[in-house]
Amino acid sequence: MPKYFFLLSLFISTFGFAQNSAFKAGEKLTFAASYNMSGVLTELAQVNMETSEIKTSKATLLRLKCTAATYSKWDNFFKIRDLYESYVSPTTVKPYLYKRDIYEGGYSKFVQYKYSHSKGTVASVIKKKKKGGGTYDQNNTLSISSNTKDIVSTIYYLRTLDLNSYSPGKTVTMTVLFDNKPTEIVVKYVAKETINTNIGSKACHKLAISIKNSNILKGTNDNLLWLTADENKIPVFAKFKVAVGNGELKIKSATGLKN
């Protein structure tokens, strides 16, 4: 069973600095997640992506909340209850706090990153359950580059970019911090393509994804993401292929859009 938000994050990168004009507080995107089981693509889970405004003593931030949950009929097979969230600048999508709290088939884990951009560091906390009871806690201070992001902020940051200015074949590499490890993701702009979705026929930017020095994703141009080629740049469809199979994410609904 794939970890859907990690795989979705692998379909995301950045092509340069941008200001956010694509989304606002109050947006909600809902997806159906499917996985190939015994040769049949089967819908197993729902994925939600939501934005809300959070006021602190120093700033107003956007909370980017992503959840994944298997449908109840599949819980006995492999239960998933995942939460990923990032608190970011509404204009630059620079992250200040990231949390990951997951339960997948009996395995649970909590990860938190607190960013100090002026120092180029992240204060990391990881908590995992031990066999036989108790928890394993790990605290670290990590050095990061200026463009390093977590999964969730990376997903949303892509939507702020002027993808209309990119031509087929252009590739860009970005670093995403996952489980305290920097992961270099290569994104290739493939083409503009119109596809049918549950929210209508959409002209889209089609991107191909690969990972440097990793065999997580398989095949050539088998891991793909489609973003709407409009001002909202909504992720509407994704396909992935891994060692144990393949799957898809398809949008079901989109509300509270900025444009």
Protein backbone atom coordinates (compact mmCIF):
# COMPACT_ATOMS: atom_id res chain seq x y z
CA MET A 1 0.00 0.00 0.00
CA PRO A 2 1.52 3.34 -0.99
CA LYS A 3 1.95 6.27 1.34
CA TYR A 4 -0.16 8.61 -0.77
CA PHE A 5 1.13 11.96 0.42
CA PHE A 6 4.75 10.96 0.06
CA LEU A 7 4.09 9.75 -3.47
CA LEU A 8 2.10 12.85 -4.28
CA SER A 9 4.98 14.96 -3.05
CA LEU A 10 7.28 13.18 -5.48
CA PHE A 11 5.19 14.63 -8.28
CA ILE A 12 6.05 18.18 -7.21
CA SER A 13 9.04 20.52 -7.63
CA THR A 14 9.78 24.19 -8.31
CA PHE A 15 11.09 26.17 -11.24
CA GLY A 16 12.04 29.39 -9.45
CA PHE A 17 10.81 32.13 -7.10
CA ALA A 18 7.17 33.18 -7.32
CA GLN A 19 4.42 34.96 -5.43
CA ASN A 20 1.21 33.16 -4.57
CA SER A 21 -1.77 34.19 -6.69
CA ALA A 22 -3.18 30.65 -7.10
CA PHE A 23 -4.87 29.79 -3.79
CA LYS A 24 -6.28 31.33 -0.63
CA ALA A 25 -7.73 30.32 2.73
CA GLY A 26 -10.92 28.30 2.39
CA GLU A 27 -9.91 26.13 -0.56
CA LYS A 28 -10.75 22.40 -0.39
CA LEU A 29 -9.65 19.76 -2.90
CA THR A 30 -10.87 16.16 -2.62
CA PHE A 31 -9.27 13.19 -4.40
CA ALA A 32 -9.91 9.49 -4.87
CA ALA A 33 -6.80 7.33 -4.39
CA SER A 34 -6.60 4.03 -6.28
CA TYR A 35 -4.09 1.20 -6.24
CA ASN A 36 -3.57 -1.77 -8.55
CA MET A 37 -4.65 -4.90 -6.67
CA SER A 38 -4.25 -8.21 -8.54
CA GLY A 39 -4.30 -6.42 -11.86
CA VAL A 40 -7.38 -4.28 -11.08
CA LEU A 41 -7.14 -0.55 -10.29
CA THR A 42 -9.21 -0.27 -7.09
CA GLU A 43 -10.34 2.90 -5.32
CA LEU A 44 -9.23 2.55 -1.69
CA ALA A 45 -9.00 5.95 -0.01
CA GLN A 46 -9.95 9.60 0.02
CA VAL A 47 -7.40 12.41 0.11
CA ASN A 48 -8.30 15.96 1.18
CA MET A 49 -6.25 19.15 0.80
CA GLU A 50 -7.53 22.20 2.70
CA THR A 51 -6.29 25.72 3.43
CA SER A 52 -7.15 28.00 6.35
CA GLU A 53 -5.86 31.24 7.89
CA ILE A 54 -3.93 31.11 11.17
CA LYS A 55 -3.04 34.25 13.12
CA THR A 56 -0.03 34.21 15.44
CA SER A 57 1.42 36.97 17.62
CA LYS A 58 3.89 37.82 14.83
CA ALA A 59 2.19 37.00 11.52
CA THR A 60 -0.78 35.66 9.62
CA LEU A 61 -0.03 32.26 8.08
CA LEU A 62 -1.77 29.77 5.84
CA ARG A 63 -2.34 26.30 7.25
CA LEU A 64 -2.03 23.74 4.47
CA LYS A 65 -3.73 20.59 5.74
CA CYS A 66 -3.64 17.27 3.90
CA THR A 67 -5.34 14.08 5.08
CA ALA A 68 -5.65 10.55 3.72
CA ALA A 69 -8.02 7.85 4.95
CA THR A 70 -8.96 4.44 3.57
CA TYR A 71 -12.65 3.80 3.10
CA SER A 72 -14.08 1.82 6.02
CA LYS A 73 -14.54 -1.35 3.96
CA TRP A 74 -10.76 -1.48 3.41
CA ASP A 75 -9.70 -0.70 7.01
CA ASN A 76 -9.38 -4.38 7.95
CA PHE A 77 -7.09 -4.91 4.97
CA PHE A 78 -4.80 -1.90 5.45
CA LYS A 79 -6.05 1.02 7.54
CA ILE A 80 -4.66 4.48 6.74
CA ARG A 81 -5.27 7.62 8.77
CA ASP A 82 -2.64 10.19 7.75
CA LEU A 83 -2.30 13.90 8.54
CA TYR A 84 0.26 16.18 6.89
CA GLU A 85 0.25 19.94 7.44
CA SER A 86 2.48 22.94 6.86
CA TYR A 87 2.17 26.51 8.12
CA VAL A 88 3.47 28.91 5.49
CA SER A 89 3.68 32.51 4.34
CA PRO A 90 0.53 33.29 2.30
CA THR A 91 2.59 35.12 -0.33
CA THR A 92 5.86 33.17 -0.71
CA VAL A 93 4.68 29.78 0.68
CA LYS A 94 7.85 29.67 2.80
CA PRO A 95 7.26 27.07 5.55
CA TYR A 96 7.63 27.82 9.26
CA LEU A 97 6.18 24.66 10.82
CA TYR A 98 5.51 21.18 9.45
CA LYS A 99 3.76 18.22 11.08
CA ARG A 100 3.21 14.65 9.93
CA ASP A 101 1.11 12.27 12.02
CA ILE A 102 0.42 8.94 10.32
CA TYR A 103 -1.15 5.56 11.00
CA GLU A 104 -0.67 2.98 8.23
CA GLY A 105 -1.48 -0.70 8.72
CA GLY A 106 -0.61 -0.66 12.43
CA TYR A 107 2.49 1.52 11.98
CA SER A 108 2.40 5.02 13.50
CA LYS A 109 4.81 7.92 13.33
CA PHE A 110 4.94 11.62 14.22
CA VAL A 111 7.34 14.11 12.62
CA GLN A 112 7.66 17.84 13.30
CA TYR A 113 9.92 20.46 11.68
CA LYS A 114 10.37 23.97 13.05
CA TYR A 115 12.19 26.16 10.53
CA SER A 116 14.74 28.85 11.36
CA HIS A 117 15.38 30.39 7.96
CA SER A 118 17.77 33.03 9.28
CA LYS A 119 20.05 30.26 10.62
CA GLY A 120 19.44 27.80 7.77
CA THR A 121 18.31 25.10 10.20
CA VAL A 122 15.33 22.94 11.09
CA ALA A 123 14.56 21.65 14.61
CA SER A 124 13.31 18.13 13.98
CA VAL A 125 11.31 15.83 16.26
CA ILE A 126 10.47 12.23 15.29
CA LYS A 127 8.39 9.88 17.47
CA LYS A 128 7.77 6.22 16.65
CA LYS A 129 6.16 3.43 18.65
CA LYS A 130 8.48 0.70 19.91
CA LYS A 131 7.68 -2.97 19.64
CA GLY A 132 6.24 -4.06 22.94
CA GLY A 133 5.13 -0.57 23.91
CA GLY A 134 6.62 2.86 24.53
CA THR A 135 7.91 5.36 22.01
CA TYR A 136 11.19 6.14 20.34
CA ASP A 137 11.94 9.88 20.29
CA GLN A 138 14.60 11.49 18.15
CA ASN A 139 15.50 15.19 18.30
CA ASN A 140 17.87 16.79 15.79
CA THR A 141 18.93 20.14 14.40
CA LEU A 142 19.30 19.86 10.64
CA SER A 143 21.07 22.19 8.23
CA ILE A 144 19.02 23.05 5.16
CA SER A 145 19.55 24.96 1.93
CA SER A 146 17.50 28.06 1.18
CA ASN A 147 15.11 26.24 -1.17
CA THR A 148 14.50 23.13 0.97
CA LYS A 149 10.85 22.54 1.76
CA ASP A 150 8.65 19.87 3.31
CA ILE A 151 6.20 17.79 1.29
CA VAL A 152 3.09 19.91 1.80
CA SER A 153 4.61 23.35 1.20
CA THR A 154 6.29 21.98 -1.91
CA ILE A 155 2.98 20.74 -3.32
CA TYR A 156 1.39 24.15 -2.92
CA TYR A 157 4.46 26.13 -3.97
CA LEU A 158 4.39 24.59 -7.43
CA ARG A 159 1.00 26.18 -8.01
CA THR A 160 2.45 29.67 -7.66
CA LEU A 161 4.76 29.33 -10.68
CA ASP A 162 4.33 30.57 -14.23
CA LEU A 163 4.33 27.16 -15.91
CA ASN A 164 3.11 28.71 -19.16
CA SER A 165 6.65 29.99 -19.70
CA TYR A 166 8.22 26.50 -19.69
CA SER A 167 8.82 24.45 -22.79
CA PRO A 168 8.70 20.65 -23.18
CA GLY A 169 11.87 18.92 -21.98
CA LYS A 170 12.89 21.49 -19.36
CA THR A 171 14.08 19.82 -16.15
CA VAL A 172 14.64 21.25 -12.69
CA THR A 173 15.90 19.68 -9.45
CA MET A 174 14.70 20.55 -5.95
CA THR A 175 15.35 19.27 -2.42
CA VAL A 176 12.48 18.04 -0.25
CA LEU A 177 13.11 17.12 3.40
CA PHE A 178 11.50 13.78 4.29
CA ASP A 179 12.23 11.84 7.49
CA ASN A 180 15.25 14.13 8.09
CA LYS A 181 16.73 13.16 4.73
CA PRO A 182 17.12 15.55 1.78
CA THR A 183 15.53 14.04 -1.31
CA GLU A 184 16.44 15.41 -4.74
CA ILE A 185 13.47 15.34 -7.08
CA VAL A 186 13.77 15.97 -10.82
CA VAL A 187 10.74 17.42 -12.59
CA LYS A 188 10.46 17.47 -16.37
CA TYR A 189 7.92 19.63 -18.14
CA VAL A 190 6.30 17.30 -20.70
CA ALA A 191 3.55 19.21 -22.49
CA LYS A 192 0.18 20.88 -22.29
CA GLU A 193 -2.57 18.30 -22.47
CA THR A 194 -6.36 18.41 -22.12
CA ILE A 195 -7.88 15.67 -19.96
CA ASN A 196 -11.38 14.85 -18.69
CA THR A 197 -11.86 15.07 -14.91
CA ASN A 198 -14.70 15.03 -12.41
CA ILE A 199 -14.61 18.83 -12.44
CA GLY A 200 -14.77 19.04 -16.23
CA SER A 201 -12.46 18.94 -19.23
CA LYS A 202 -9.26 20.74 -18.27
CA ALA A 203 -6.23 21.97 -20.20
CA CYS A 204 -3.29 20.93 -18.02
CA HIS A 205 0.45 21.19 -17.54
CA LYS A 206 1.80 17.63 -17.68
CA LEU A 207 4.92 16.93 -15.57
CA ALA A 208 7.10 13.80 -15.29
CA ILE A 209 8.80 13.03 -11.98
CA SER A 210 11.92 11.09 -11.00
CA ILE A 211 14.17 10.90 -7.92
CA LYS A 212 17.94 11.14 -7.97
CA ASN A 213 19.84 8.15 -6.55
CA SER A 214 16.64 6.29 -5.65
CA ASN A 215 14.60 3.41 -7.04
CA ILE A 216 11.34 4.36 -5.29
CA LEU A 217 9.73 5.39 -8.58
CA LYS A 218 9.95 2.98 -11.51
CA GLY A 219 9.91 3.40 -15.28
CA THR A 220 10.50 6.33 -17.62
CA ASN A 221 7.69 8.88 -17.76
CA ASP A 222 5.51 6.50 -15.73
CA ASN A 223 5.18 8.95 -12.80
CA LEU A 224 3.14 11.91 -13.94
CA LEU A 225 1.22 14.89 -12.59
CA TRP A 226 -1.36 17.08 -14.33
CA LEU A 227 -1.98 20.65 -13.05
CA THR A 228 -4.72 22.80 -14.57
CA ALA A 229 -3.29 25.35 -16.99
CA ASP A 230 -5.19 28.24 -15.44
CA GLU A 231 -4.54 30.67 -12.60
CA ASN A 232 -5.45 28.10 -9.93
CA LYS A 233 -3.09 25.32 -11.14
CA ILE A 234 -5.08 22.62 -9.35
CA PRO A 235 -3.56 19.11 -9.24
CA VAL A 236 -6.29 17.06 -10.93
CA PHE A 237 -4.61 13.75 -11.81
CA ALA A 238 -1.47 11.82 -10.86
CA LYS A 239 -0.10 8.41 -11.87
CA PHE A 240 2.70 6.60 -10.07
CA LYS A 241 4.60 3.35 -10.49
CA VAL A 242 6.60 1.77 -7.64
CA ALA A 243 8.27 -1.60 -7.08
CA VAL A 244 5.14 -3.19 -5.60
CA GLY A 245 2.64 -1.81 -8.11
CA ASN A 246 1.04 1.31 -9.50
CA GLY A 247 -1.76 3.70 -8.65
CA GLU A 248 -3.59 6.93 -9.38
CA LEU A 249 -4.98 10.04 -7.71
CA LYS A 250 -8.05 11.63 -9.34
CA ILE A 251 -9.74 14.83 -8.26
CA LYS A 252 -13.37 14.50 -7.08
CA SER A 253 -14.23 18.10 -6.18
CA ALA A 254 -12.70 21.57 -5.82
CA THR A 255 -14.29 24.41 -3.82
CA GLY A 256 -13.19 27.80 -2.43
CA LEU A 257 -10.90 28.51 -5.38
CA LYS A 258 -9.15 31.87 -5.51
CA ASN A 259 -9.63 32.51 -9.25
